[in-house]
């Protein structure tokens, strides 16, 4: 029972990672029309640091 929960959680996290990875290319292209590339870099790093710090 516990092994199946761990397997489901791992699959869910993998799916979320793949989704964020795929969306990032499309959203970066759209946001670059509005923001400076360095600003976008800092924002992405900040969001990633928050997720890393939270977990």
PDB file of N, CA and C in Angstrom:
ATOM      1  N   UNK A   1       0.816  -1.190   0.000  1.00  0.00           N
ATOM      2  CA  UNK A   1       0.000   0.000   0.000  1.00  0.00           C
ATOM      3  C   UNK A   1       0.861   1.257   0.000  1.00  0.00           C
ATOM      4  N   UNK A   2       1.866   1.308   0.837  1.00  0.00           N
ATOM      5  CA  UNK A   2       2.727   2.480   0.910  1.00  0.00           C
ATOM      6  C   UNK A   2       3.557   2.616  -0.363  1.00  0.00           C
ATOM      7  N   UNK A   3       3.992   1.491  -0.912  1.00  0.00           N
ATOM      8  CA  UNK A   3       4.791   1.536  -2.131  1.00  0.00           C
ATOM      9  C   UNK A   3       3.992   2.131  -3.289  1.00  0.00           C
ATOM     10  N   UNK A   4       2.714   1.834  -3.353  1.00  0.00           N
ATOM     11  CA  UNK A   4       1.891   2.382  -4.435  1.00  0.00           C
ATOM     12  C   UNK A   4       1.694   3.888  -4.263  1.00  0.00           C
ATOM     13  N   UNK A   5       1.608   4.368  -3.010  1.00  0.00           N
ATOM     14  CA  UNK A   5       1.486   5.808  -2.775  1.00  0.00           C
ATOM     15  C   UNK A   5       2.765   6.527  -3.169  1.00  0.00           C
ATOM     16  N   UNK A   6       3.894   5.933  -2.864  1.00  0.00           N
ATOM     17  CA  UNK A   6       5.178   6.528  -3.229  1.00  0.00           C
ATOM     18  C   UNK A   6       5.332   6.552  -4.744  1.00  0.00           C
ATOM     19  N   UNK A   7       4.926   5.482  -5.388  1.00  0.00           N
ATOM     20  CA  UNK A   7       5.013   5.418  -6.849  1.00  0.00           C
ATOM     21  C   UNK A   7       4.096   6.463  -7.494  1.00  0.00           C
ATOM     22  N   UNK A   8       2.897   6.627  -6.942  1.00  0.00           N
ATOM     23  CA  UNK A   8       1.970   7.628  -7.471  1.00  0.00           C
ATOM     24  C   UNK A   8       2.527   9.032  -7.276  1.00  0.00           C
ATOM     25  N   UNK A   9       3.083   9.311  -6.097  1.00  0.00           N
ATOM     26  CA  UNK A   9       3.648  10.635  -5.831  1.00  0.00           C
ATOM     27  C   UNK A   9       4.821  10.922  -6.762  1.00  0.00           C
ATOM     28  N   UNK A  10       5.669   9.932  -6.990  1.00  0.00           N
ATOM     29  CA  UNK A  10       6.807  10.114  -7.897  1.00  0.00           C
ATOM     30  C   UNK A  10       6.319  10.382  -9.317  1.00  0.00           C
ATOM     31  N   UNK A  11       5.297   9.669  -9.746  1.00  0.00           N
ATOM     32  CA  UNK A  11       4.745   9.890 -11.081  1.00  0.00           C
ATOM     33  C   UNK A  11       4.118  11.274 -11.203  1.00  0.00           C
ATOM     34  N   UNK A  12       3.450  11.707 -10.160  1.00  0.00           N
ATOM     35  CA  UNK A  12       2.836  13.034 -10.167  1.00  0.00           C
ATOM     36  C   UNK A  12       3.904  14.120 -10.242  1.00  0.00           C
ATOM     37  N   UNK A  13       4.967  13.996  -9.455  1.00  0.00           N
ATOM     38  CA  UNK A  13       6.046  14.981  -9.490  1.00  0.00           C
ATOM     39  C   UNK A  13       6.748  14.986 -10.845  1.00  0.00           C
ATOM     40  N   UNK A  14       6.919  13.827 -11.435  1.00  0.00           N
ATOM     41  CA  UNK A  14       7.537  13.761 -12.763  1.00  0.00           C
ATOM     42  C   UNK A  14       6.651  14.449 -13.799  1.00  0.00           C
ATOM     43  N   UNK A  15       5.358  14.228 -13.724  1.00  0.00           N
ATOM     44  CA  UNK A  15       4.426  14.866 -14.660  1.00  0.00           C
ATOM     45  C   UNK A  15       4.436  16.380 -14.488  1.00  0.00           C
ATOM     46  N   UNK A  16       4.478  16.844 -13.246  1.00  0.00           N
ATOM     47  CA  UNK A  16       4.539  18.287 -13.000  1.00  0.00           C
ATOM     48  C   UNK A  16       5.829  18.884 -13.545  1.00  0.00           C
ATOM     49  N   UNK A  17       6.936  18.192 -13.362  1.00  0.00           N
ATOM     50  CA  UNK A  17       8.221  18.687 -13.869  1.00  0.00           C
ATOM     51  C   UNK A  17       8.212  18.783 -15.383  1.00  0.00           C
ATOM     52  N   UNK A  18       7.705  17.766 -16.033  1.00  0.00           N
ATOM     53  CA  UNK A  18       7.644  17.760 -17.494  1.00  0.00           C
ATOM     54  C   UNK A  18       6.735  18.883 -17.988  1.00  0.00           C
ATOM     55  N   UNK A  19       5.617  19.088 -17.310  1.00  0.00           N
ATOM     56  CA  UNK A  19       4.684  20.144 -17.713  1.00  0.00           C
ATOM     57  C   UNK A  19       5.315  21.523 -17.571  1.00  0.00           C
ATOM     58  N   UNK A  20       5.951  21.788 -16.419  1.00  0.00           N
ATOM     59  CA  UNK A  20       6.597  23.085 -16.227  1.00  0.00           C
ATOM     60  C   UNK A  20       7.725  23.291 -17.225  1.00  0.00           C
ATOM     61  N   UNK A  21       8.463  22.240 -17.499  1.00  0.00           N
ATOM     62  CA  UNK A  21       9.570  22.341 -18.461  1.00  0.00           C
ATOM     63  C   UNK A  21       9.028  22.700 -19.846  1.00  0.00           C
ATOM     64  N   UNK A  22       7.965  22.067 -20.272  1.00  0.00           N
ATOM     65  CA  UNK A  22       7.390  22.336 -21.586  1.00  0.00           C
ATOM     66  C   UNK A  22       6.755  23.718 -21.683  1.00  0.00           C
ATOM     67  N   UNK A  23       6.087  24.140 -20.631  1.00  0.00           N
ATOM     68  CA  UNK A  23       5.433  25.441 -20.636  1.00  0.00           C
ATOM     69  C   UNK A  23       6.452  26.575 -20.591  1.00  0.00           C
ATOM     70  N   UNK A  24       7.602  26.339 -19.989  1.00  0.00           N
ATOM     71  CA  UNK A  24       8.578  27.416 -19.811  1.00  0.00           C
ATOM     72  C   UNK A  24       9.068  27.979 -21.147  1.00  0.00           C
ATOM     73  N   UNK A  25       9.225  27.139 -22.159  1.00  0.00           N
ATOM     74  CA  UNK A  25       9.700  27.631 -23.452  1.00  0.00           C
ATOM     75  C   UNK A  25       8.665  28.543 -24.107  1.00  0.00           C
ATOM     76  N   UNK A  26       7.417  28.144 -24.058  1.00  0.00           N
ATOM     77  CA  UNK A  26       6.354  28.932 -24.670  1.00  0.00           C
ATOM     78  C   UNK A  26       6.160  30.248 -23.909  1.00  0.00           C
ATOM     79  N   UNK A  27       6.128  30.169 -22.594  1.00  0.00           N
ATOM     80  CA  UNK A  27       5.909  31.380 -21.811  1.00  0.00           C
ATOM     81  C   UNK A  27       7.097  32.338 -21.899  1.00  0.00           C
ATOM     82  N   UNK A  28       8.304  31.811 -21.989  1.00  0.00           N
ATOM     83  CA  UNK A  28       9.482  32.672 -22.123  1.00  0.00           C
ATOM     84  C   UNK A  28       9.409  33.465 -23.417  1.00  0.00           C
ATOM     85  N   UNK A  29       9.023  32.811 -24.482  1.00  0.00           N
ATOM     86  CA  UNK A  29       8.919  33.489 -25.766  1.00  0.00           C
ATOM     87  C   UNK A  29       7.876  34.607 -25.718  1.00  0.00           C
ATOM     88  N   UNK A  30       6.764  34.362 -25.041  1.00  0.00           N
ATOM     89  CA  UNK A  30       5.710  35.375 -24.938  1.00  0.00           C
ATOM     90  C   UNK A  30       6.123  36.523 -24.013  1.00  0.00           C
ATOM     91  N   UNK A  31       6.813  36.211 -22.935  1.00  0.00           N
ATOM     92  CA  UNK A  31       7.180  37.232 -21.949  1.00  0.00           C
ATOM     93  C   UNK A  31       8.331  38.098 -22.449  1.00  0.00           C
ATOM     94  N   UNK A  32       9.179  37.589 -23.306  1.00  0.00           N
ATOM     95  CA  UNK A  32      10.315  38.369 -23.795  1.00  0.00           C
ATOM     96  C   UNK A  32       9.882  39.590 -24.593  1.00  0.00           C
ATOM     97  N   UNK A  33       8.642  39.591 -25.087  1.00  0.00           N
ATOM     98  CA  UNK A  33       8.123  40.780 -25.761  1.00  0.00           C
ATOM     99  C   UNK A  33       7.847  41.912 -24.765  1.00  0.00           C
ATOM    100  N   UNK A  34       7.634  41.568 -23.512  1.00  0.00           N
ATOM    101  CA  UNK A  34       7.262  42.548 -22.490  1.00  0.00           C
ATOM    102  C   UNK A  34       8.402  42.899 -21.534  1.00  0.00           C
ATOM    103  N   UNK A  35       9.288  41.937 -21.249  1.00  0.00           N
ATOM    104  CA  UNK A  35      10.329  42.127 -20.242  1.00  0.00           C
ATOM    105  C   UNK A  35      11.725  42.032 -20.847  1.00  0.00           C
ATOM    106  N   UNK A  36      12.660  42.630 -20.164  1.00  0.00           N
ATOM    107  CA  UNK A  36      14.071  42.514 -20.489  1.00  0.00           C
ATOM    108  C   UNK A  36      14.536  41.085 -20.169  1.00  0.00           C
ATOM    109  N   UNK A  37      15.425  40.494 -20.971  1.00  0.00           N
ATOM    110  CA  UNK A  37      15.876  39.123 -20.691  1.00  0.00           C
ATOM    111  C   UNK A  37      16.498  38.953 -19.307  1.00  0.00           C
ATOM    112  N   UNK A  38      17.212  39.960 -18.811  1.00  0.00           N
ATOM    113  CA  UNK A  38      17.836  39.841 -17.494  1.00  0.00           C
ATOM    114  C   UNK A  38      16.787  39.859 -16.380  1.00  0.00           C
ATOM    115  N   UNK A  39      15.730  40.634 -16.564  1.00  0.00           N
ATOM    116  CA  UNK A  39      14.639  40.641 -15.594  1.00  0.00           C
ATOM    117  C   UNK A  39      13.958  39.288 -15.552  1.00  0.00           C
ATOM    118  N   UNK A  40      13.731  38.715 -16.703  1.00  0.00           N
ATOM    119  CA  UNK A  40      13.129  37.394 -16.770  1.00  0.00           C
ATOM    120  C   UNK A  40      14.032  36.349 -16.116  1.00  0.00           C
ATOM    121  N   UNK A  41      15.315  36.467 -16.332  1.00  0.00           N
ATOM    122  CA  UNK A  41      16.270  35.541 -15.719  1.00  0.00           C
ATOM    123  C   UNK A  41      16.196  35.607 -14.195  1.00  0.00           C
ATOM    124  N   UNK A  42      16.150  36.819 -13.655  1.00  0.00           N
ATOM    125  CA  UNK A  42      16.082  36.991 -12.200  1.00  0.00           C
ATOM    126  C   UNK A  42      14.758  36.451 -11.661  1.00  0.00           C
ATOM    127  N   UNK A  43      13.664  36.704 -12.364  1.00  0.00           N
ATOM    128  CA  UNK A  43      12.369  36.196 -11.924  1.00  0.00           C
ATOM    129  C   UNK A  43      12.340  34.672 -11.916  1.00  0.00           C
ATOM    130  N   UNK A  44      12.839  34.056 -12.971  1.00  0.00           N
ATOM    131  CA  UNK A  44      12.855  32.595 -13.024  1.00  0.00           C
ATOM    132  C   UNK A  44      13.743  32.006 -11.939  1.00  0.00           C
ATOM    133  N   UNK A  45      14.889  32.629 -11.707  1.00  0.00           N
ATOM    134  CA  UNK A  45      15.775  32.160 -10.653  1.00  0.00           C
ATOM    135  C   UNK A  45      15.110  32.320  -9.284  1.00  0.00           C
ATOM    136  N   UNK A  46      14.428  33.436  -9.081  1.00  0.00           N
ATOM    137  CA  UNK A  46      13.747  33.673  -7.810  1.00  0.00           C
ATOM    138  C   UNK A  46      12.638  32.671  -7.554  1.00  0.00           C
ATOM    139  N   UNK A  47      11.850  32.391  -8.565  1.00  0.00           N
ATOM    140  CA  UNK A  47      10.773  31.412  -8.414  1.00  0.00           C
ATOM    141  C   UNK A  47      11.353  30.030  -8.138  1.00  0.00           C
ATOM    142  N   UNK A  48      12.396  29.671  -8.851  1.00  0.00           N
ATOM    143  CA  UNK A  48      13.048  28.381  -8.613  1.00  0.00           C
ATOM    144  C   UNK A  48      13.639  28.285  -7.220  1.00  0.00           C
ATOM    145  N   UNK A  49      14.232  29.385  -6.747  1.00  0.00           N
ATOM    146  CA  UNK A  49      14.815  29.399  -5.403  1.00  0.00           C
ATOM    147  C   UNK A  49      13.730  29.250  -4.339  1.00  0.00           C
ATOM    148  N   UNK A  50      12.571  29.872  -4.570  1.00  0.00           N
ATOM    149  CA  UNK A  50      11.470  29.719  -3.617  1.00  0.00           C
ATOM    150  C   UNK A  50      11.002  28.274  -3.529  1.00  0.00           C
ATOM    151  N   UNK A  51      10.852  27.623  -4.672  1.00  0.00           N
ATOM    152  CA  UNK A  51      10.453  26.212  -4.673  1.00  0.00           C
ATOM    153  C   UNK A  51      11.513  25.343  -4.009  1.00  0.00           C
ATOM    154  N   UNK A  52      12.770  25.638  -4.303  1.00  0.00           N
ATOM    155  CA  UNK A  52      13.860  24.858  -3.705  1.00  0.00           C
ATOM    156  C   UNK A  52      13.923  25.083  -2.194  1.00  0.00           C
ATOM    157  N   UNK A  53      13.725  26.324  -1.765  1.00  0.00           N
ATOM    158  CA  UNK A  53      13.793  26.650  -0.358  1.00  0.00           C
ATOM    159  C   UNK A  53      12.614  26.037   0.403  1.00  0.00           C
ATOM    160  N   UNK A  54      11.436  25.990  -0.245  1.00  0.00           N
ATOM    161  CA  UNK A  54      10.245  25.441   0.384  1.00  0.00           C
ATOM    162  C   UNK A  54      10.394  23.951   0.641  1.00  0.00           C
ATOM    163  N   UNK A  55      10.971  23.234  -0.304  1.00  0.00           N
ATOM    164  CA  UNK A  55      11.134  21.794  -0.145  1.00  0.00           C
ATOM    165  C   UNK A  55      12.523  21.534   0.317  1.00  0.00           C
TER     166      UNK A  55
END
